[in-house]
Amino acid sequence: MNHKKKSSLIMLMLVLLLSMVLTACGGNSGNKNTTNNSASNTPKSDSGSSDTSQEVKLKMVLLGGKPIDSDLVFSELNKKLKEKINATVEVQFLDWSDWGQKYPLIFAADEDFDLIYTSNWAFYTDQAVKGGFLELNEDMLKKYAPQTWGNMPQVSWDQAKINNKLYMVPNNNLEVINKVVLYREDLRTKYNLPEINSKETYANYLKTIAANEKGITPFGAKAADGWKWHELDQTLLEENNNFRLIDKRLPTAFKLDDATGKLFNIYETPEFKDLLGYYKDLADNGGWSKNAVTNKNDIWQDMKVGKVASYAHGLGTVGFNLAEARRDTPDLEFAIADIAPDSKKIAAISTQNGMAIHSTSKNPERSLMLLDLLQNDKEIHDLTMYGIAGTHYNPEGEDKFTAGTSPGNYTGFANWGWNSKLNRQDVAYPKEADDIFNGWEPKVFHFPLETFVFDDSKVKTEVANIGNVMVRYGIPLEYGIINDIDKGLTDLIAQLKAAGIEKVQQEMQTQVDAFLAN
């Protein structure tokens, strides 16, 4: 998906996969193809001078439940692979309910397989440093995966390196993770409100709805799952100020344009204090429910039935929700707003999705040839991403699709390990969501700490204690439940210090400094 897909939270991922064909959590806007790099039907064209005279059988491990029609699709795939690289592939599925336990076990047991899905949230770093993945070098990639090597941006290869070594073929798909707001456009026009394009115009919209639309909650706030940040924090606190949190479990951040990576406690900034005043004003004026901290409702479902007037999420999810609303509830008019239009746009790093080769694979060369086809051969890519044409999807031109007669029979698993620019886009995906992404793409900002991952092994107790403080003191403060925000902020900072925030920040700074030095 050229800029489309999934996402980031694992719990939301399964819901999206069950409700959409090949969607993801996160900020991508719908599977759009921008190039057509079809591979040849002969092995030599796909693999240079590589020897494919001996047939091999590959085994690939993917996350997710086994789709009903997976045998049908992969049987068709194997016919084509036999022609192209003289190989076939058998797929093992690790169900979402237990993949977290089974994934490391197949390495510990040294099971016989060749390829496996991996990502920055699915054991990539862990297995790479333990020797579970084969190290890939430039010569191998140029010889056995030449199209992937040529089409992949250099920044994507660099992002996938661990200690300057590469263990993954990352997906080739740009996903911008900045947040947007989905709101009721019919209500905005009803009250002749200005365009929503800033935190001020958004606050005006929320307070107007609160004052005039009884029975409708202006903003769908929800903290019942223990999430430590307000739903608008990424946009209003991070993006508007070019801050970046190192780890979402902690309040430690840096400035995107600070090459030194100096860390600070985001709760101690004047920007955060100002935002508390903004949130308190909204809470006092009915901007969200007084039960926001305990709310367990599905916010999107509440919006569809007219109970909620807006919410914040990634562009991809918002785009698909908008398409769903236009299909299911055409009497309600929704629209998308970017309330931090001048902020730097941040892309998910390439390791959000990818494929690795088992370090004990007997066929690493043919495995790379397969990955080259999965990402770059249009026939193979369409088949493995969308299934059988006419059954699971209907191709619409070169780069779009509609649902087939049985779309749910081939979905729900990690075929997004080979997302690429050949991904198709659902024809129902809203043009305005696409337009927003196209405006964002040139603004994507890369920064030195983009791939830094905090190792909390020396401060696990402190990290846990800090998380408890953020839930107990931070959430009520941000949702406007605390009347005296000055005292509430003072108490929050004091409790964080007692929990060990200074020790954690010092350890994190040491790691950041070492990372930047390398």
Protein backbone atom coordinates (compact mmCIF):
# COMPACT_ATOMS: atom_id res chain seq x y z
CA MET A 1 0.00 0.00 0.00
CA ASN A 2 1.61 3.21 -1.09
CA HIS A 3 1.01 5.02 2.16
CA LYS A 4 -1.81 2.81 3.34
CA LYS A 5 -2.05 0.48 6.25
CA LYS A 6 -2.32 -0.61 9.54
CA SER A 7 -1.21 0.74 12.32
CA SER A 8 -0.47 0.43 15.40
CA LEU A 9 -2.23 -1.18 18.16
CA ILE A 10 -2.29 -4.96 18.26
CA MET A 11 -5.67 -5.21 20.00
CA LEU A 12 -7.28 -3.01 17.34
CA MET A 13 -5.56 -4.87 14.53
CA LEU A 14 -7.68 -8.00 14.73
CA VAL A 15 -10.89 -5.97 14.70
CA LEU A 16 -9.81 -4.12 11.57
CA LEU A 17 -8.74 -7.31 9.86
CA LEU A 18 -12.10 -8.93 10.50
CA SER A 19 -14.02 -5.92 9.22
CA MET A 20 -11.92 -4.90 6.23
CA VAL A 21 -9.96 -6.61 3.54
CA LEU A 22 -6.30 -6.02 4.28
CA THR A 23 -6.55 -2.92 6.52
CA ALA A 24 -4.30 -2.01 9.27
CA CYS A 25 -4.21 0.00 12.46
CA GLY A 26 -2.60 2.77 11.83
CA GLY A 27 -2.37 5.54 9.56
CA ASN A 28 -2.43 4.19 6.16
CA SER A 29 -4.96 5.18 3.66
CA GLY A 30 -6.03 2.22 1.73
CA ASN A 31 -3.75 0.10 -0.48
CA LYS A 32 -2.96 2.30 -3.44
CA ASN A 33 -0.70 1.02 -6.22
CA THR A 34 1.68 3.51 -7.79
CA THR A 35 3.96 1.30 -9.89
CA ASN A 36 3.64 -1.86 -11.92
CA ASN A 37 6.89 -3.77 -11.67
CA SER A 38 5.69 -7.17 -12.84
CA ALA A 39 8.37 -9.84 -12.88
CA SER A 40 8.90 -12.11 -15.85
CA ASN A 41 7.47 -15.62 -16.01
CA THR A 42 10.93 -17.15 -16.22
CA PRO A 43 13.19 -17.87 -13.26
CA LYS A 44 16.22 -16.23 -14.85
CA SER A 45 14.54 -12.86 -15.17
CA ASP A 46 13.55 -12.93 -11.51
CA SER A 47 16.83 -14.15 -10.14
CA GLY A 48 19.58 -13.12 -12.50
CA SER A 49 21.91 -16.04 -13.15
CA SER A 50 20.76 -17.95 -10.06
CA ASP A 51 20.41 -21.69 -10.45
CA THR A 52 16.79 -22.84 -10.09
CA SER A 53 17.20 -26.20 -11.78
CA GLN A 54 16.43 -28.14 -8.59
CA GLU A 55 12.90 -27.81 -7.22
CA VAL A 56 12.65 -26.81 -3.56
CA LYS A 57 9.81 -26.69 -1.06
CA LEU A 58 9.80 -23.68 1.25
CA LYS A 59 7.99 -23.32 4.56
CA MET A 60 6.69 -19.90 5.60
CA VAL A 61 5.31 -18.94 9.04
CA LEU A 62 2.69 -16.19 9.21
CA LEU A 63 0.79 -14.63 12.11
CA GLY A 64 -3.00 -14.92 12.24
CA GLY A 65 -5.67 -17.55 11.97
CA LYS A 66 -5.71 -19.76 8.89
CA PRO A 67 -8.14 -18.29 6.34
CA ILE A 68 -10.91 -20.57 5.09
CA ASP A 69 -9.65 -20.43 1.51
CA SER A 70 -5.92 -20.34 2.20
CA ASP A 71 -5.33 -23.80 0.71
CA LEU A 72 -7.12 -22.73 -2.46
CA VAL A 73 -5.07 -19.54 -2.79
CA PHE A 74 -1.70 -21.06 -1.96
CA SER A 75 -2.34 -24.00 -4.27
CA GLU A 76 -2.79 -21.50 -7.09
CA LEU A 77 0.31 -19.64 -5.88
CA ASN A 78 2.41 -22.79 -6.01
CA LYS A 79 1.51 -23.37 -9.65
CA LYS A 80 2.89 -19.95 -10.47
CA LEU A 81 5.97 -20.29 -8.23
CA LYS A 82 6.86 -23.58 -9.90
CA GLU A 83 6.97 -21.75 -13.22
CA LYS A 84 8.81 -18.68 -11.97
CA ILE A 85 11.41 -19.96 -9.49
CA ASN A 86 10.87 -23.77 -9.47
CA ALA A 87 9.67 -23.74 -5.87
CA THR A 88 6.53 -24.28 -3.82
CA VAL A 89 5.63 -22.94 -0.39
CA GLU A 90 3.80 -24.39 2.60
CA VAL A 91 2.35 -21.91 5.09
CA GLN A 92 2.03 -22.38 8.85
CA PHE A 93 -0.30 -19.97 10.67
CA LEU A 94 0.22 -18.86 14.27
CA ASP A 95 -3.21 -17.86 15.58
CA TRP A 96 -3.62 -14.40 17.08
CA SER A 97 -4.70 -15.91 20.40
CA ASP A 98 -1.34 -17.56 21.06
CA TRP A 99 1.22 -16.28 18.57
CA GLY A 100 3.05 -14.40 21.32
CA GLN A 101 3.86 -17.64 23.10
CA LYS A 102 4.40 -19.85 20.05
CA TYR A 103 6.56 -17.47 18.05
CA PRO A 104 9.68 -17.70 20.26
CA LEU A 105 9.09 -21.41 20.86
CA ILE A 106 9.53 -22.37 17.21
CA PHE A 107 12.98 -20.80 17.35
CA ALA A 108 13.83 -22.39 20.69
CA ALA A 109 12.80 -25.79 19.31
CA ASP A 110 14.77 -25.10 16.12
CA GLU A 111 11.81 -26.02 13.95
CA ASP A 112 12.45 -26.48 10.26
CA PHE A 113 11.15 -23.47 8.32
CA ASP A 114 12.52 -20.92 5.87
CA LEU A 115 10.61 -17.65 6.16
CA ILE A 116 8.66 -15.91 8.91
CA TYR A 117 6.73 -12.69 9.41
CA THR A 118 8.41 -10.26 11.80
CA SER A 119 8.19 -6.63 12.82
CA ASN A 120 9.24 -4.16 15.47
CA TRP A 121 6.27 -5.40 17.54
CA ALA A 122 6.75 -9.08 16.66
CA PHE A 123 10.15 -10.18 17.97
CA TYR A 124 12.35 -8.69 15.25
CA THR A 125 15.04 -7.26 17.51
CA ASP A 126 14.75 -10.11 20.00
CA GLN A 127 15.26 -12.90 17.47
CA ALA A 128 17.86 -11.00 15.46
CA VAL A 129 20.18 -10.59 18.46
CA LYS A 130 19.56 -14.21 19.51
CA GLY A 131 20.63 -15.51 16.11
CA GLY A 132 17.20 -16.63 14.96
CA PHE A 133 17.34 -14.73 11.67
CA LEU A 134 19.78 -14.99 8.79
CA GLU A 135 21.90 -11.90 8.23
CA LEU A 136 21.29 -10.45 4.78
CA ASN A 137 23.93 -8.55 2.84
CA GLU A 138 23.90 -6.37 -0.24
CA ASP A 139 25.34 -9.02 -2.56
CA MET A 140 22.65 -11.54 -1.60
CA LEU A 141 19.87 -9.05 -2.09
CA LYS A 142 21.17 -7.79 -5.42
CA LYS A 143 21.49 -11.34 -6.76
CA TYR A 144 18.39 -13.06 -5.38
CA ALA A 145 16.01 -10.15 -4.80
CA PRO A 146 17.09 -7.58 -7.39
CA GLN A 147 13.70 -5.87 -7.78
CA THR A 148 13.32 -5.49 -4.02
CA TRP A 149 16.81 -4.10 -3.77
CA GLY A 150 16.16 -1.61 -6.54
CA ASN A 151 12.70 -0.52 -5.43
CA MET A 152 13.26 -0.22 -1.67
CA PRO A 153 14.25 3.26 -0.43
CA GLN A 154 17.65 3.29 1.23
CA VAL A 155 16.12 4.73 4.40
CA SER A 156 13.98 1.60 4.71
CA TRP A 157 17.01 -0.69 4.59
CA ASP A 158 18.79 1.52 7.12
CA GLN A 159 15.83 1.48 9.49
CA ALA A 160 15.77 -2.31 9.44
CA LYS A 161 19.39 -2.68 10.56
CA ILE A 162 20.28 -3.83 14.06
CA ASN A 163 23.85 -3.00 15.09
CA ASN A 164 24.48 -2.16 11.44
CA LYS A 165 23.38 -5.61 10.30
CA LEU A 166 20.27 -6.47 8.30
CA TYR A 167 18.03 -9.41 9.21
CA MET A 168 14.76 -8.50 7.48
CA VAL A 169 13.30 -7.62 4.12
CA PRO A 170 11.02 -4.80 5.27
CA ASN A 171 7.76 -3.90 3.60
CA ASN A 172 7.96 -1.17 0.98
CA ASN A 173 4.97 0.89 2.03
CA LEU A 174 4.81 4.40 3.41
CA GLU A 175 2.54 4.75 6.44
CA VAL A 176 2.25 8.17 8.06
CA ILE A 177 1.25 7.87 11.71
CA ASN A 178 0.02 11.41 12.42
CA LYS A 179 -3.52 11.62 13.78
CA VAL A 180 -6.59 13.28 12.30
CA VAL A 181 -10.12 13.96 13.54
CA LEU A 182 -13.29 12.41 12.10
CA TYR A 183 -16.25 14.68 12.80
CA ARG A 184 -19.89 15.39 11.85
CA GLU A 185 -19.71 17.79 8.94
CA ASP A 186 -23.49 18.18 8.90
CA LEU A 187 -23.35 19.60 12.44
CA ARG A 188 -20.52 21.97 11.54
CA THR A 189 -22.48 23.41 8.63
CA LYS A 190 -25.71 23.45 10.66
CA TYR A 191 -24.15 26.03 13.01
CA ASN A 192 -22.14 27.78 10.29
CA LEU A 193 -18.85 27.03 12.05
CA PRO A 194 -15.48 27.77 10.40
CA GLU A 195 -13.34 25.03 8.86
CA ILE A 196 -11.79 22.77 11.48
CA ASN A 197 -8.03 23.10 10.98
CA SER A 198 -6.57 23.93 14.40
CA LYS A 199 -7.06 23.16 18.07
CA GLU A 200 -8.97 26.44 18.45
CA THR A 201 -11.46 25.77 15.65
CA TYR A 202 -11.88 22.22 16.92
CA ALA A 203 -12.61 23.43 20.46
CA ASN A 204 -15.19 25.83 19.02
CA TYR A 205 -16.87 22.92 17.23
CA LEU A 206 -16.91 20.72 20.36
CA LYS A 207 -18.32 23.43 22.63
CA THR A 208 -20.96 24.39 20.08
CA ILE A 209 -22.16 20.78 19.83
CA ALA A 210 -22.19 20.49 23.62
CA ALA A 211 -24.31 23.62 23.98
CA ASN A 212 -26.83 22.84 21.26
CA GLU A 213 -27.08 19.10 20.61
CA LYS A 214 -28.47 17.32 23.63
CA GLY A 215 -27.88 13.60 23.58
CA ILE A 216 -24.73 13.88 21.46
CA THR A 217 -21.29 13.69 23.07
CA PRO A 218 -18.99 16.08 21.14
CA PHE A 219 -15.77 14.04 21.51
CA GLY A 220 -15.55 10.30 22.04
CA ALA A 221 -13.10 10.08 24.94
CA LYS A 222 -12.11 6.75 26.43
CA ALA A 223 -9.52 5.85 29.04
CA ALA A 224 -11.03 2.67 30.47
CA ASP A 225 -8.32 0.50 28.93
CA GLY A 226 -5.69 2.20 31.10
CA TRP A 227 -4.12 4.16 28.22
CA LYS A 228 -2.02 6.85 29.83
CA TRP A 229 -2.40 9.65 27.29
CA HIS A 230 -5.38 11.61 26.10
CA GLU A 231 -6.58 10.65 22.60
CA LEU A 232 -5.63 14.10 21.32
CA ASP A 233 -2.16 14.23 22.89
CA GLN A 234 -0.28 12.96 19.86
CA THR A 235 -1.74 15.75 17.72
CA LEU A 236 -1.97 18.63 20.17
CA LEU A 237 1.05 17.94 22.37
CA GLU A 238 3.54 16.03 20.25
CA GLU A 239 2.81 17.03 16.66
CA ASN A 240 1.97 20.68 17.31
CA ASN A 241 5.21 21.14 19.25
CA ASN A 242 7.47 18.75 17.31
CA PHE A 243 7.91 16.63 20.42
CA ARG A 244 8.46 12.90 20.20
CA LEU A 245 7.96 10.44 23.04
CA ILE A 246 10.68 7.79 23.25
CA ASP A 247 8.36 5.16 24.72
CA LYS A 248 4.58 5.54 25.03
CA ARG A 249 4.72 4.00 28.50
CA LEU A 250 6.75 6.96 29.77
CA PRO A 251 6.58 10.79 29.67
CA THR A 252 10.15 11.16 28.36
CA ALA A 253 10.50 13.00 25.05
CA PHE A 254 12.89 14.91 22.77
CA LYS A 255 12.54 17.63 20.13
CA LEU A 256 12.44 16.27 16.59
CA ASP A 257 14.89 18.88 15.34
CA ASP A 258 17.34 18.42 18.22
CA ALA A 259 20.23 16.37 16.83
CA THR A 260 21.68 15.93 20.32
CA GLY A 261 18.65 13.96 21.52
CA LYS A 262 18.35 15.79 24.84
CA LEU A 263 15.48 14.21 26.80
CA PHE A 264 12.92 15.93 29.01
CA ASN A 265 9.82 15.09 31.01
CA ILE A 266 6.93 16.17 28.81
CA TYR A 267 4.80 16.81 31.92
CA GLU A 268 7.25 19.53 32.98
CA THR A 269 6.94 21.59 29.80
CA PRO A 270 4.93 24.82 29.51
CA GLU A 271 3.28 23.31 26.43
CA PHE A 272 1.77 20.53 28.52
CA LYS A 273 0.54 22.94 31.16
CA ASP A 274 -1.12 25.07 28.46
CA LEU A 275 -2.77 21.96 27.03
CA LEU A 276 -4.19 21.09 30.45
CA GLY A 277 -5.99 24.42 30.41
CA TYR A 278 -7.38 23.57 26.96
CA TYR A 279 -8.59 20.17 28.15
CA LYS A 280 -10.07 21.60 31.35
CA ASP A 281 -12.03 24.16 29.35
CA LEU A 282 -13.43 21.42 27.10
CA ALA A 283 -14.29 19.19 30.05
CA ASP A 284 -16.06 22.02 31.89
CA ASN A 285 -18.04 22.89 28.76
CA GLY A 286 -19.20 19.35 28.03
CA GLY A 287 -16.63 18.54 25.35
CA TRP A 288 -16.70 14.89 26.41
CA SER A 289 -18.58 12.66 28.81
CA LYS A 290 -17.94 12.96 32.53
CA ASN A 291 -17.58 9.17 32.41
CA ALA A 292 -14.66 9.31 29.95
CA VAL A 293 -12.27 7.61 32.37
CA THR A 294 -14.55 4.58 32.78
CA ASN A 295 -16.10 4.58 29.30
CA LYS A 296 -15.81 1.14 27.66
CA ASN A 297 -17.98 1.80 24.61
CA ASP A 298 -16.82 1.31 21.03
CA ILE A 299 -16.41 4.95 20.03
CA TRP A 300 -16.83 4.36 16.31
CA GLN A 301 -20.05 2.42 16.79
CA ASP A 302 -21.35 5.25 18.98
CA MET A 303 -20.54 7.70 16.19
CA LYS A 304 -22.35 5.60 13.59
CA VAL A 305 -25.58 5.70 15.59
CA GLY A 306 -25.33 9.44 16.23
CA LYS A 307 -24.29 9.40 19.89
CA VAL A 308 -20.80 10.89 19.37
CA ALA A 309 -19.82 13.74 17.06
CA SER A 310 -16.06 13.25 16.65
CA TYR A 311 -12.99 11.21 17.54
CA ALA A 312 -9.24 11.15 16.80
CA HIS A 313 -7.34 8.32 15.11
CA GLY A 314 -4.83 7.44 12.38
CA LEU A 315 -5.66 8.50 8.83
CA GLY A 316 -6.08 4.97 7.49
CA THR A 317 -8.57 3.94 10.15
CA VAL A 318 -10.45 7.21 9.83
CA GLY A 319 -10.60 6.81 6.05
CA PHE A 320 -12.08 3.35 6.27
CA ASN A 321 -14.55 4.49 8.93
CA LEU A 322 -15.64 7.31 6.65
CA ALA A 323 -16.18 4.88 3.78
CA GLU A 324 -18.15 2.60 6.11
CA ALA A 325 -20.34 5.49 7.27
CA ARG A 326 -21.13 6.55 3.73
CA ARG A 327 -22.20 2.99 3.00
CA ASP A 328 -24.13 2.23 6.21
CA THR A 329 -25.36 5.59 7.55
CA PRO A 330 -25.67 7.99 4.59
CA ASP A 331 -28.02 10.23 6.58
CA LEU A 332 -25.05 11.31 8.76
CA GLU A 333 -22.41 13.41 7.01
CA PHE A 334 -18.82 12.96 8.24
CA ALA A 335 -15.56 14.66 7.26
CA ILE A 336 -11.86 14.54 8.17
CA ALA A 337 -9.85 17.36 9.74
CA ASP A 338 -6.11 17.76 10.28
CA ILE A 339 -5.87 19.98 13.36
CA ALA A 340 -2.06 20.17 13.24
CA PRO A 341 -1.53 20.92 9.53
CA ASP A 342 1.85 22.60 9.95
CA SER A 343 3.42 19.82 12.03
CA LYS A 344 6.18 17.54 10.83
CA LYS A 345 4.75 14.30 9.48
CA ILE A 346 6.19 11.08 10.87
CA ALA A 347 6.24 7.76 9.04
CA ALA A 348 6.12 4.36 10.66
CA ILE A 349 9.56 2.83 10.33
CA SER A 350 9.94 0.13 7.71
CA THR A 351 10.09 -2.64 10.31
CA GLN A 352 6.38 -2.11 11.01
CA ASN A 353 5.96 -5.12 8.71
CA GLY A 354 8.48 -7.43 7.09
CA MET A 355 9.79 -10.92 6.43
CA ALA A 356 12.91 -12.65 7.74
CA ILE A 357 14.72 -15.85 6.79
CA HIS A 358 15.35 -18.47 9.47
CA SER A 359 19.06 -18.69 10.28
CA THR A 360 18.93 -22.47 9.69
CA SER A 361 17.06 -22.32 6.37
CA LYS A 362 18.39 -24.76 3.81
CA ASN A 363 17.14 -22.57 0.98
CA PRO A 364 17.92 -18.91 1.76
CA GLU A 365 18.51 -18.04 -1.90
CA ARG A 366 15.15 -19.36 -3.08
CA SER A 367 13.53 -17.73 -0.05
CA LEU A 368 14.82 -14.35 -1.21
CA MET A 369 13.54 -15.07 -4.72
CA LEU A 370 10.11 -15.74 -3.25
CA LEU A 371 10.17 -12.47 -1.30
CA ASP A 372 11.20 -10.65 -4.46
CA LEU A 373 8.11 -12.00 -6.22
CA LEU A 374 5.77 -11.33 -3.30
CA GLN A 375 6.69 -7.65 -3.25
CA ASN A 376 7.24 -6.93 -6.92
CA ASP A 377 5.48 -9.39 -9.24
CA LYS A 378 1.98 -8.01 -9.80
CA GLU A 379 0.39 -11.39 -10.47
CA ILE A 380 1.92 -12.96 -7.35
CA HIS A 381 1.31 -9.88 -5.21
CA ASP A 382 -2.37 -9.61 -6.16
CA LEU A 383 -2.94 -13.30 -5.50
CA THR A 384 -1.28 -13.41 -2.08
CA MET A 385 -2.63 -10.06 -0.87
CA TYR A 386 -6.21 -10.29 -2.11
CA GLY A 387 -6.90 -13.90 -3.06
CA ILE A 388 -8.68 -15.24 -6.13
CA ALA A 389 -10.02 -12.57 -8.47
CA GLY A 390 -13.81 -12.74 -8.69
CA THR A 391 -14.08 -14.70 -5.43
CA HIS A 392 -12.21 -12.76 -2.77
CA TYR A 393 -11.82 -9.48 -4.64
CA ASN A 394 -12.57 -7.84 -7.95
CA PRO A 395 -9.66 -5.98 -9.58
CA GLU A 396 -10.62 -2.50 -10.71
CA GLY A 397 -8.05 -1.26 -13.18
CA GLU A 398 -4.40 -1.56 -12.24
CA ASP A 399 -4.50 -0.23 -8.70
CA LYS A 400 -7.94 -0.58 -7.10
CA PHE A 401 -10.33 -3.33 -5.98
CA THR A 402 -13.81 -4.08 -4.74
CA ALA A 403 -14.88 -6.95 -2.50
CA GLY A 404 -15.62 -10.24 -4.24
CA THR A 405 -18.36 -12.71 -3.37
CA SER A 406 -16.43 -14.17 -0.40
CA PRO A 407 -13.91 -11.56 0.82
CA GLY A 408 -13.93 -12.84 4.39
CA ASN A 409 -12.60 -16.24 3.33
CA TYR A 410 -9.13 -14.84 2.65
CA THR A 411 -8.20 -12.28 5.28
CA GLY A 412 -7.06 -11.88 8.89
CA PHE A 413 -3.39 -12.87 8.65
CA ALA A 414 -0.03 -11.16 8.19
CA ASN A 415 0.32 -11.11 4.43
CA TRP A 416 1.12 -7.43 4.98
CA GLY A 417 4.70 -8.66 5.54
CA TRP A 418 5.18 -7.95 1.83
CA ASN A 419 3.22 -4.71 1.50
CA SER A 420 4.56 -2.76 -1.45
CA LYS A 421 3.75 -0.11 -4.00
CA LEU A 422 1.76 -2.76 -5.87
CA ASN A 423 -0.91 -2.79 -3.17
CA ARG A 424 -4.37 -1.96 -4.47
CA GLN A 425 -6.73 0.57 -2.95
CA ASP A 426 -10.35 -0.11 -2.09
CA VAL A 427 -12.50 1.94 -4.50
CA ALA A 428 -14.62 3.03 -1.52
CA TYR A 429 -11.66 4.68 0.17
CA PRO A 430 -12.50 8.42 0.40
CA LYS A 431 -10.71 10.79 -1.93
CA GLU A 432 -10.32 13.38 0.82
CA ALA A 433 -8.34 10.91 2.93
CA ASP A 434 -6.11 10.26 -0.07
CA ASP A 435 -5.71 14.00 -0.62
CA ILE A 436 -4.62 14.48 2.99
CA PHE A 437 -2.01 11.77 2.64
CA ASN A 438 -0.74 13.16 -0.64
CA GLY A 439 -0.28 16.49 1.12
CA TRP A 440 1.54 14.81 3.99
CA GLU A 441 3.89 12.64 1.96
CA PRO A 442 6.31 15.43 0.94
CA LYS A 443 6.46 16.55 4.58
CA VAL A 444 7.59 13.21 6.01
CA PHE A 445 10.43 13.94 8.39
CA HIS A 446 13.22 11.51 9.21
CA PHE A 447 15.29 12.02 12.34
CA PRO A 448 18.29 10.33 14.02
CA LEU A 449 16.29 8.64 16.79
CA GLU A 450 13.68 7.25 14.41
CA THR A 451 14.70 3.64 15.07
CA PHE A 452 15.83 3.93 18.68
CA VAL A 453 14.26 1.38 21.04
CA PHE A 454 14.60 1.78 24.80
CA ASP A 455 15.94 -1.22 26.73
CA ASP A 456 14.23 -1.08 30.13
CA SER A 457 15.96 -4.16 31.58
CA LYS A 458 17.82 -2.10 34.21
CA VAL A 459 14.79 -0.08 35.30
CA LYS A 460 11.80 -2.40 34.93
CA THR A 461 10.52 -1.72 38.45
CA GLU A 462 10.70 2.04 37.98
CA VAL A 463 8.98 1.84 34.57
CA ALA A 464 6.10 -0.12 36.11
CA ASN A 465 5.80 2.35 38.99
CA ILE A 466 5.79 5.31 36.59
CA GLY A 467 3.02 3.69 34.57
CA ASN A 468 0.90 3.35 37.69
CA VAL A 469 1.42 7.02 38.53
CA MET A 470 0.45 8.10 35.00
CA VAL A 471 -2.79 6.14 35.27
CA ARG A 472 -3.65 7.33 38.77
CA TYR A 473 -2.62 11.00 38.49
CA GLY A 474 -2.17 11.76 34.79
CA ILE A 475 -5.44 10.46 33.33
CA PRO A 476 -7.79 12.36 35.70
CA LEU A 477 -5.74 15.51 35.18
CA GLU A 478 -5.95 15.34 31.38
CA TYR A 479 -9.67 14.58 31.33
CA GLY A 480 -10.41 17.64 33.46
CA ILE A 481 -11.58 15.74 36.52
CA ILE A 482 -9.10 17.56 38.78
CA ASN A 483 -10.45 21.05 39.56
CA ASP A 484 -7.11 22.59 40.52
CA ILE A 485 -4.88 21.75 37.56
CA ASP A 486 -1.85 23.52 39.04
CA LYS A 487 -1.99 21.36 42.17
CA GLY A 488 -2.80 18.30 40.10
CA LEU A 489 0.26 18.84 37.91
CA THR A 490 2.48 19.44 40.94
CA ASP A 491 1.24 16.21 42.51
CA LEU A 492 1.79 14.28 39.25
CA ILE A 493 5.39 15.46 38.90
CA ALA A 494 6.14 14.74 42.59
CA GLN A 495 4.73 11.24 42.31
CA LEU A 496 6.74 10.58 39.13
CA LYS A 497 9.95 11.56 40.91
CA ALA A 498 9.08 9.24 43.79
CA ALA A 499 8.46 6.46 41.27
CA GLY A 500 11.93 6.87 39.77
CA ILE A 501 11.45 9.02 36.67
CA GLU A 502 14.87 10.65 37.05
CA LYS A 503 16.63 7.27 37.17
CA VAL A 504 14.74 6.09 34.10
CA GLN A 505 15.45 9.29 32.19
CA GLN A 506 19.15 9.05 33.03
CA GLU A 507 19.29 5.45 31.80
CA MET A 508 17.39 6.38 28.67
CA GLN A 509 19.69 9.35 27.99
CA THR A 510 22.73 7.09 28.31
CA GLN A 511 21.26 4.75 25.70
CA VAL A 512 20.26 7.63 23.41
CA ASP A 513 23.76 9.12 23.58
CA ALA A 514 25.32 5.77 22.72
CA PHE A 515 22.87 5.26 19.87
CA LEU A 516 23.62 8.66 18.37
CA ALA A 517 27.36 8.15 18.78
CA ASN A 518 27.12 5.05 16.61
